[in-house]
């Protein structure tokens, strides 16, 4: 399954600049491009040559053309990096929840914005497939744009695309194409939903998961042996949960923490509720959950149901081997308020 997960996530990235940005390949006055040129440092052209883009003509293309393609790629990559930097700054500021925006902005701009740990903290896995490429150009791009970012940062709140243009066009007019590409590309939500659907299809087709009427894949991994007590909408349930993102970042693990959790079944998100209503006391099961309010929305969930009752007070009076979490209003499987 990990290989399938990685293969699905690779579908997110589309890293090459539009072909229209690459200068035409000239066929006159050709020079032999030797190994010294092709192997000098990190070279975008080496990747293209390995892919066979130029087939057998690579050694006949003018050296100036190779250099021009590399420069175009580097410039366009800086444009994409500029856009990602602005998105990173926005994510950091919003996460601070600082009532005084000036303080949040100042604190954010004082950070090392090219720290890879910062990118891993604030971007989802699909975006991280591109982040290492972005980080190659981060320091140089930030040096070019820092003054403009600081001067125009307040545009970000009501004129985000104008902020992109104000800051990133300072690098090169070619950045206009990168900004338009960002605007016209599939929304992140659409891409994530596509991957979620592909993963659902894989689990049901290859891993023998069942599906609810809402298309949520689920699978009992340890069926109840001695209980026929099924869950009802008005019940309370004592459970343990393990919740991971698609790239295996642990968001909650009651098993490792040796905690139990009291859930009110009716407060579960609708698609999660349908899974629970198919279960019995003592069942252990897994399912895939699309969490609209989560930064990384595709969640892999494991649940063990220890106890079921329609009386919440009575269920708490019973004896349990571990502590019980009783009032976690922010539990990821609960209905979330509309934003």
Protein backbone atom coordinates (compact mmCIF):
# COMPACT_ATOMS: atom_id res chain seq x y z
CA UNK A 1 0.00 0.00 0.00
CA UNK A 2 2.80 2.58 0.70
CA UNK A 3 3.95 2.34 -2.93
CA UNK A 4 0.41 2.94 -4.15
CA UNK A 5 0.12 5.94 -1.82
CA UNK A 6 3.37 7.40 -3.17
CA UNK A 7 2.30 6.79 -6.74
CA UNK A 8 -0.98 8.61 -6.17
CA UNK A 9 0.75 11.59 -4.58
CA UNK A 10 3.18 11.95 -7.47
CA UNK A 11 0.19 12.84 -9.65
CA UNK A 12 0.05 16.23 -7.94
CA UNK A 13 3.23 17.65 -9.38
CA UNK A 14 3.60 19.34 -12.73
CA UNK A 15 6.95 21.02 -12.56
CA UNK A 16 8.05 21.87 -16.09
CA UNK A 17 7.48 25.41 -17.39
CA UNK A 18 5.25 25.89 -20.45
CA UNK A 19 7.00 24.96 -23.68
CA UNK A 20 6.17 28.40 -25.07
CA UNK A 21 8.70 29.87 -22.63
CA UNK A 22 11.62 27.83 -23.98
CA UNK A 23 13.47 29.52 -26.85
CA UNK A 24 13.43 27.76 -30.25
CA UNK A 25 16.24 25.31 -30.96
CA UNK A 26 18.46 26.64 -33.72
CA UNK A 27 19.82 24.25 -36.32
CA UNK A 28 22.56 26.49 -37.75
CA UNK A 29 26.07 27.19 -36.50
CA UNK A 30 25.86 24.17 -34.24
CA UNK A 31 28.65 23.38 -31.81
CA UNK A 32 29.59 20.17 -30.06
CA UNK A 33 28.50 20.44 -26.44
CA UNK A 34 31.08 18.54 -24.46
CA UNK A 35 30.89 16.74 -21.15
CA UNK A 36 32.42 19.71 -19.30
CA UNK A 37 29.37 21.80 -20.12
CA UNK A 38 26.78 19.11 -19.57
CA UNK A 39 28.14 18.04 -16.20
CA UNK A 40 29.01 21.42 -14.70
CA UNK A 41 26.91 21.63 -11.54
CA UNK A 42 23.16 21.13 -11.44
CA UNK A 43 21.90 21.39 -14.99
CA UNK A 44 18.28 21.34 -16.12
CA UNK A 45 19.42 20.24 -19.58
CA UNK A 46 21.05 17.11 -18.25
CA UNK A 47 17.64 15.91 -17.06
CA UNK A 48 16.10 16.67 -20.45
CA UNK A 49 18.91 14.85 -22.25
CA UNK A 50 18.52 11.81 -19.98
CA UNK A 51 14.81 11.81 -20.81
CA UNK A 52 15.68 11.75 -24.50
CA UNK A 53 13.94 15.04 -25.25
CA UNK A 54 16.56 15.93 -27.85
CA UNK A 55 17.16 12.33 -28.95
CA UNK A 56 20.45 12.23 -30.88
CA UNK A 57 20.64 15.94 -31.63
CA UNK A 58 21.87 17.06 -28.22
CA UNK A 59 25.50 17.29 -29.26
CA UNK A 60 24.66 19.48 -32.26
CA UNK A 61 22.70 22.17 -30.45
CA UNK A 62 24.43 25.50 -29.93
CA UNK A 63 25.91 26.01 -26.49
CA UNK A 64 24.15 29.38 -26.28
CA UNK A 65 20.78 27.65 -26.72
CA UNK A 66 21.50 25.28 -23.84
CA UNK A 67 22.47 28.24 -21.68
CA UNK A 68 19.33 30.13 -22.72
CA UNK A 69 17.07 27.21 -21.81
CA UNK A 70 18.77 26.87 -18.44
CA UNK A 71 18.39 30.58 -17.74
CA UNK A 72 14.71 30.48 -18.72
CA UNK A 73 14.12 27.50 -16.46
CA UNK A 74 15.90 29.17 -13.54
CA UNK A 75 13.95 32.41 -14.01
CA UNK A 76 10.63 30.59 -14.22
CA UNK A 77 11.53 28.51 -11.17
CA UNK A 78 12.20 31.74 -9.27
CA UNK A 79 8.75 32.95 -10.33
CA UNK A 80 7.15 29.77 -8.96
CA UNK A 81 9.26 30.08 -5.82
CA UNK A 82 8.08 33.67 -5.35
CA UNK A 83 4.45 32.52 -5.45
CA UNK A 84 5.14 29.72 -2.96
CA UNK A 85 7.01 32.10 -0.65
CA UNK A 86 4.00 34.41 -0.57
CA UNK A 87 1.74 31.42 0.19
CA UNK A 88 4.12 30.33 2.97
CA UNK A 89 4.07 33.81 4.53
CA UNK A 90 0.27 33.80 4.42
CA UNK A 91 0.07 30.36 6.06
CA UNK A 92 2.41 31.39 8.88
CA UNK A 93 0.56 34.65 9.57
CA UNK A 94 -2.86 32.95 9.62
CA UNK A 95 -1.65 30.14 11.87
CA UNK A 96 -0.40 32.64 14.46
CA UNK A 97 -3.98 33.82 15.17
CA UNK A 98 -2.41 37.04 16.42
CA UNK A 99 -5.04 39.79 17.00
CA UNK A 100 -2.50 42.44 16.01
CA UNK A 101 -1.67 41.86 12.36
CA UNK A 102 1.40 44.10 12.50
CA UNK A 103 2.98 41.84 15.12
CA UNK A 104 2.14 38.68 13.15
CA UNK A 105 3.68 40.14 9.99
CA UNK A 106 6.82 41.33 11.77
CA UNK A 107 7.35 37.96 13.50
CA UNK A 108 6.83 36.11 10.22
CA UNK A 109 9.23 38.21 8.18
CA UNK A 110 11.91 37.75 10.85
CA UNK A 111 11.83 33.96 10.35
CA UNK A 112 14.23 32.07 8.11
CA UNK A 113 11.68 31.59 5.34
CA UNK A 114 14.01 29.24 3.45
CA UNK A 115 14.21 26.73 6.30
CA UNK A 116 13.03 23.39 4.89
CA UNK A 117 11.47 22.50 8.27
CA UNK A 118 9.22 25.54 7.94
CA UNK A 119 8.01 24.33 4.54
CA UNK A 120 7.32 20.85 5.91
CA UNK A 121 5.35 22.37 8.77
CA UNK A 122 3.08 24.57 6.65
CA UNK A 123 2.62 22.72 3.36
CA UNK A 124 0.84 19.45 2.63
CA UNK A 125 2.60 16.42 1.22
CA UNK A 126 1.49 17.05 -2.35
CA UNK A 127 2.98 20.55 -2.17
CA UNK A 128 6.18 19.19 -0.61
CA UNK A 129 6.79 17.17 -3.76
CA UNK A 130 7.64 20.55 -5.24
CA UNK A 131 9.21 22.21 -2.19
CA UNK A 132 12.72 20.82 -2.56
CA UNK A 133 12.78 22.29 -6.06
CA UNK A 134 11.50 25.58 -4.66
CA UNK A 135 14.09 25.60 -1.87
CA UNK A 136 16.92 25.52 -4.41
CA UNK A 137 15.83 29.00 -5.50
CA UNK A 138 14.48 30.24 -2.18
CA UNK A 139 17.38 32.32 -0.87
CA UNK A 140 18.06 34.07 -4.17
CA UNK A 141 14.36 34.71 -4.76
CA UNK A 142 13.80 36.03 -1.24
CA UNK A 143 16.78 38.38 -1.62
CA UNK A 144 15.21 39.81 -4.79
CA UNK A 145 11.73 40.21 -3.35
CA UNK A 146 12.06 40.86 0.40
CA UNK A 147 11.85 44.67 0.16
CA UNK A 148 8.79 44.47 -2.09
CA UNK A 149 7.13 41.91 0.20
CA UNK A 150 7.64 44.12 3.25
CA UNK A 151 6.42 47.22 1.41
CA UNK A 152 3.24 45.70 -0.04
CA UNK A 153 2.36 42.93 2.45
CA UNK A 154 -1.06 44.42 3.27
CA UNK A 155 -2.20 43.82 -0.32
CA UNK A 156 -2.13 40.11 0.51
CA UNK A 157 -5.33 40.32 2.56
CA UNK A 158 -7.69 41.70 -0.08
CA UNK A 159 -5.81 41.60 -3.37
CA UNK A 160 -3.77 38.40 -3.32
CA UNK A 161 -3.20 38.19 -7.08
CA UNK A 162 -2.15 41.85 -7.17
CA UNK A 163 0.35 41.06 -4.42
CA UNK A 164 1.78 38.24 -6.56
CA UNK A 165 2.13 40.65 -9.47
CA UNK A 166 3.62 43.48 -7.41
CA UNK A 167 6.24 41.24 -5.82
CA UNK A 168 7.01 38.55 -8.39
CA UNK A 169 7.06 40.67 -11.55
CA UNK A 170 10.03 42.41 -9.95
CA UNK A 171 11.99 39.25 -10.83
CA UNK A 172 11.08 39.10 -14.50
CA UNK A 173 8.02 39.82 -16.72
CA UNK A 174 7.90 36.08 -17.42
CA UNK A 175 6.45 35.70 -13.92
CA UNK A 176 3.13 36.93 -15.30
CA UNK A 177 2.78 33.52 -16.97
CA UNK A 178 3.53 31.71 -13.69
CA UNK A 179 0.88 33.80 -11.89
CA UNK A 180 -1.73 33.10 -14.57
CA UNK A 181 -0.82 29.41 -14.45
CA UNK A 182 -1.34 29.42 -10.68
CA UNK A 183 -4.74 31.04 -11.11
CA UNK A 184 -5.96 28.84 -13.94
CA UNK A 185 -4.61 25.50 -12.70
CA UNK A 186 -6.88 23.05 -10.92
CA UNK A 187 -7.64 24.19 -7.42
CA UNK A 188 -5.86 22.33 -4.64
CA UNK A 189 -9.22 21.05 -3.45
CA UNK A 190 -9.97 19.53 -6.85
CA UNK A 191 -6.58 17.83 -6.98
CA UNK A 192 -6.91 16.41 -3.49
CA UNK A 193 -10.42 15.13 -4.21
CA UNK A 194 -9.12 13.40 -7.33
CA UNK A 195 -6.40 11.64 -5.33
CA UNK A 196 -8.93 10.76 -2.62
CA UNK A 197 -11.20 9.14 -5.19
CA UNK A 198 -8.32 7.21 -6.75
CA UNK A 199 -7.27 5.99 -3.31
CA UNK A 200 -10.87 4.97 -2.52
CA UNK A 201 -11.02 3.00 -5.76
CA UNK A 202 -7.74 1.27 -4.93
CA UNK A 203 -8.85 0.30 -1.41
CA UNK A 204 -12.17 -1.13 -2.59
CA UNK A 205 -10.72 -2.83 -5.65
CA UNK A 206 -7.45 -4.21 -4.27
CA UNK A 207 -7.63 -4.15 -0.46
CA UNK A 208 -11.21 -5.50 -0.19
CA UNK A 209 -12.67 -2.45 1.56
CA UNK A 210 -16.44 -1.93 1.49
CA UNK A 211 -18.01 1.45 0.72
CA UNK A 212 -20.81 3.39 2.38
CA UNK A 213 -23.57 5.05 0.36
CA UNK A 214 -21.45 8.23 0.47
CA UNK A 215 -18.45 6.43 -1.00
CA UNK A 216 -16.36 6.15 2.17
CA UNK A 217 -14.15 3.01 2.07
CA UNK A 218 -14.04 1.03 5.33
CA UNK A 219 -12.88 -2.39 6.51
CA UNK A 220 -13.32 -4.39 9.71
CA UNK A 221 -9.89 -5.67 10.71
CA UNK A 222 -10.95 -7.31 14.01
CA UNK A 223 -14.69 -8.13 14.09
CA UNK A 224 -16.45 -8.34 17.45
CA UNK A 225 -16.33 -11.87 18.84
CA UNK A 226 -18.79 -11.77 21.73
CA UNK A 227 -21.01 -8.75 21.14
CA UNK A 228 -24.00 -8.12 18.91
CA UNK A 229 -24.54 -4.61 20.29
CA UNK A 230 -24.68 -2.29 17.28
CA UNK A 231 -24.27 1.48 17.40
CA UNK A 232 -27.26 3.78 17.07
CA UNK A 233 -27.35 7.48 16.28
CA UNK A 234 -28.29 8.45 19.87
CA UNK A 235 -25.59 6.32 21.52
CA UNK A 236 -22.37 7.17 23.29
CA UNK A 237 -19.26 5.12 22.51
CA UNK A 238 -15.96 4.66 24.33
CA UNK A 239 -13.33 4.25 21.63
CA UNK A 240 -9.66 4.50 20.81
CA UNK A 241 -8.62 6.24 17.63
CA UNK A 242 -5.54 6.49 15.47
CA UNK A 243 -5.64 9.20 12.78
CA UNK A 244 -2.90 9.70 10.20
CA UNK A 245 -2.52 11.83 7.12
CA UNK A 246 -1.98 10.12 3.81
CA UNK A 247 1.78 10.54 4.19
CA UNK A 248 1.63 8.94 7.66
CA UNK A 249 1.91 12.00 9.87
CA UNK A 250 0.17 11.05 13.13
CA UNK A 251 -2.55 13.53 14.15
CA UNK A 252 -3.98 11.46 17.02
CA UNK A 253 -3.03 8.12 18.57
CA UNK A 254 -5.07 7.07 21.60
CA UNK A 255 -3.49 3.61 21.47
CA UNK A 256 0.05 4.92 21.99
CA UNK A 257 -1.14 7.48 24.56
CA UNK A 258 -3.09 4.79 26.44
CA UNK A 259 -6.21 6.95 26.36
CA UNK A 260 -9.88 6.21 25.79
CA UNK A 261 -12.27 8.68 24.21
CA UNK A 262 -16.00 9.20 24.83
CA UNK A 263 -17.83 10.03 21.61
CA UNK A 264 -21.39 11.13 21.08
CA UNK A 265 -22.28 9.25 17.91
CA UNK A 266 -24.75 11.85 16.64
CA UNK A 267 -22.01 14.51 16.58
CA UNK A 268 -19.81 12.62 14.14
CA UNK A 269 -19.45 14.03 10.63
CA UNK A 270 -22.17 12.60 8.39
CA UNK A 271 -19.90 10.38 6.27
CA UNK A 272 -18.09 9.14 9.40
CA UNK A 273 -21.42 8.53 11.16
CA UNK A 274 -22.51 6.15 8.40
CA UNK A 275 -19.38 4.06 8.95
CA UNK A 276 -19.92 3.91 12.72
CA UNK A 277 -23.56 2.86 12.36
CA UNK A 278 -22.36 -0.27 10.53
CA UNK A 279 -20.23 -1.34 13.52
CA UNK A 280 -20.70 -3.24 16.77
CA UNK A 281 -19.21 -2.96 20.23
CA UNK A 282 -15.67 -4.50 20.19
CA UNK A 283 -15.20 -4.00 16.43
CA UNK A 284 -11.84 -2.68 15.20
CA UNK A 285 -12.04 -1.04 11.79
CA UNK A 286 -10.31 1.32 9.38
CA UNK A 287 -11.67 3.88 6.95
CA UNK A 288 -10.56 6.74 4.74
CA UNK A 289 -11.94 10.15 5.66
CA UNK A 290 -11.98 13.38 3.64
CA UNK A 291 -11.69 16.12 6.27
CA UNK A 292 -12.73 19.38 4.61
CA UNK A 293 -11.50 21.55 7.49
CA UNK A 294 -8.06 19.91 7.75
CA UNK A 295 -4.93 21.32 6.16
CA UNK A 296 -4.05 17.82 4.98
CA UNK A 297 -7.56 16.50 4.25
CA UNK A 298 -7.08 12.80 3.34
CA UNK A 299 -7.05 10.95 6.65
CA UNK A 300 -6.53 7.25 7.38
CA UNK A 301 -8.45 6.33 10.53
CA UNK A 302 -8.37 3.28 12.79
CA UNK A 303 -11.04 2.88 15.51
CA UNK A 304 -11.59 0.34 18.28
CA UNK A 305 -15.04 0.45 19.93
CA UNK A 306 -14.73 -0.62 23.58
CA UNK A 307 -18.18 0.20 24.95
CA UNK A 308 -21.55 1.37 23.62
CA UNK A 309 -24.48 2.81 25.62
CA UNK A 310 -27.37 5.22 25.21
CA UNK A 311 -26.59 6.67 28.68
CA UNK A 312 -23.51 8.90 28.72
CA UNK A 313 -23.42 9.29 32.51
CA UNK A 314 -23.72 5.56 33.12
CA UNK A 315 -20.95 4.77 30.70
CA UNK A 316 -18.57 7.10 32.57
CA UNK A 317 -19.29 5.40 35.91
CA UNK A 318 -17.89 2.11 34.65
CA UNK A 319 -14.31 1.05 35.29
CA UNK A 320 -11.73 1.35 32.50
CA UNK A 321 -8.02 0.54 32.38
CA UNK A 322 -7.11 3.93 30.85
CA UNK A 323 -8.10 7.57 31.29
CA UNK A 324 -11.06 8.80 29.23
CA UNK A 325 -11.10 12.00 27.18
CA UNK A 326 -14.66 13.24 27.65
CA UNK A 327 -15.05 16.66 26.03
CA UNK A 328 -12.83 17.05 22.98
CA UNK A 329 -14.93 19.42 20.87
CA UNK A 330 -12.16 19.66 18.28
CA UNK A 331 -11.98 15.91 17.58
CA UNK A 332 -11.30 15.58 13.85
CA UNK A 333 -14.17 13.14 13.22
CA UNK A 334 -16.84 15.45 14.62
CA UNK A 335 -18.97 17.77 12.52
CA UNK A 336 -17.11 21.02 12.01
CA UNK A 337 -18.79 24.44 12.06
CA UNK A 338 -19.32 26.03 8.65
CA UNK A 339 -16.67 28.58 7.73
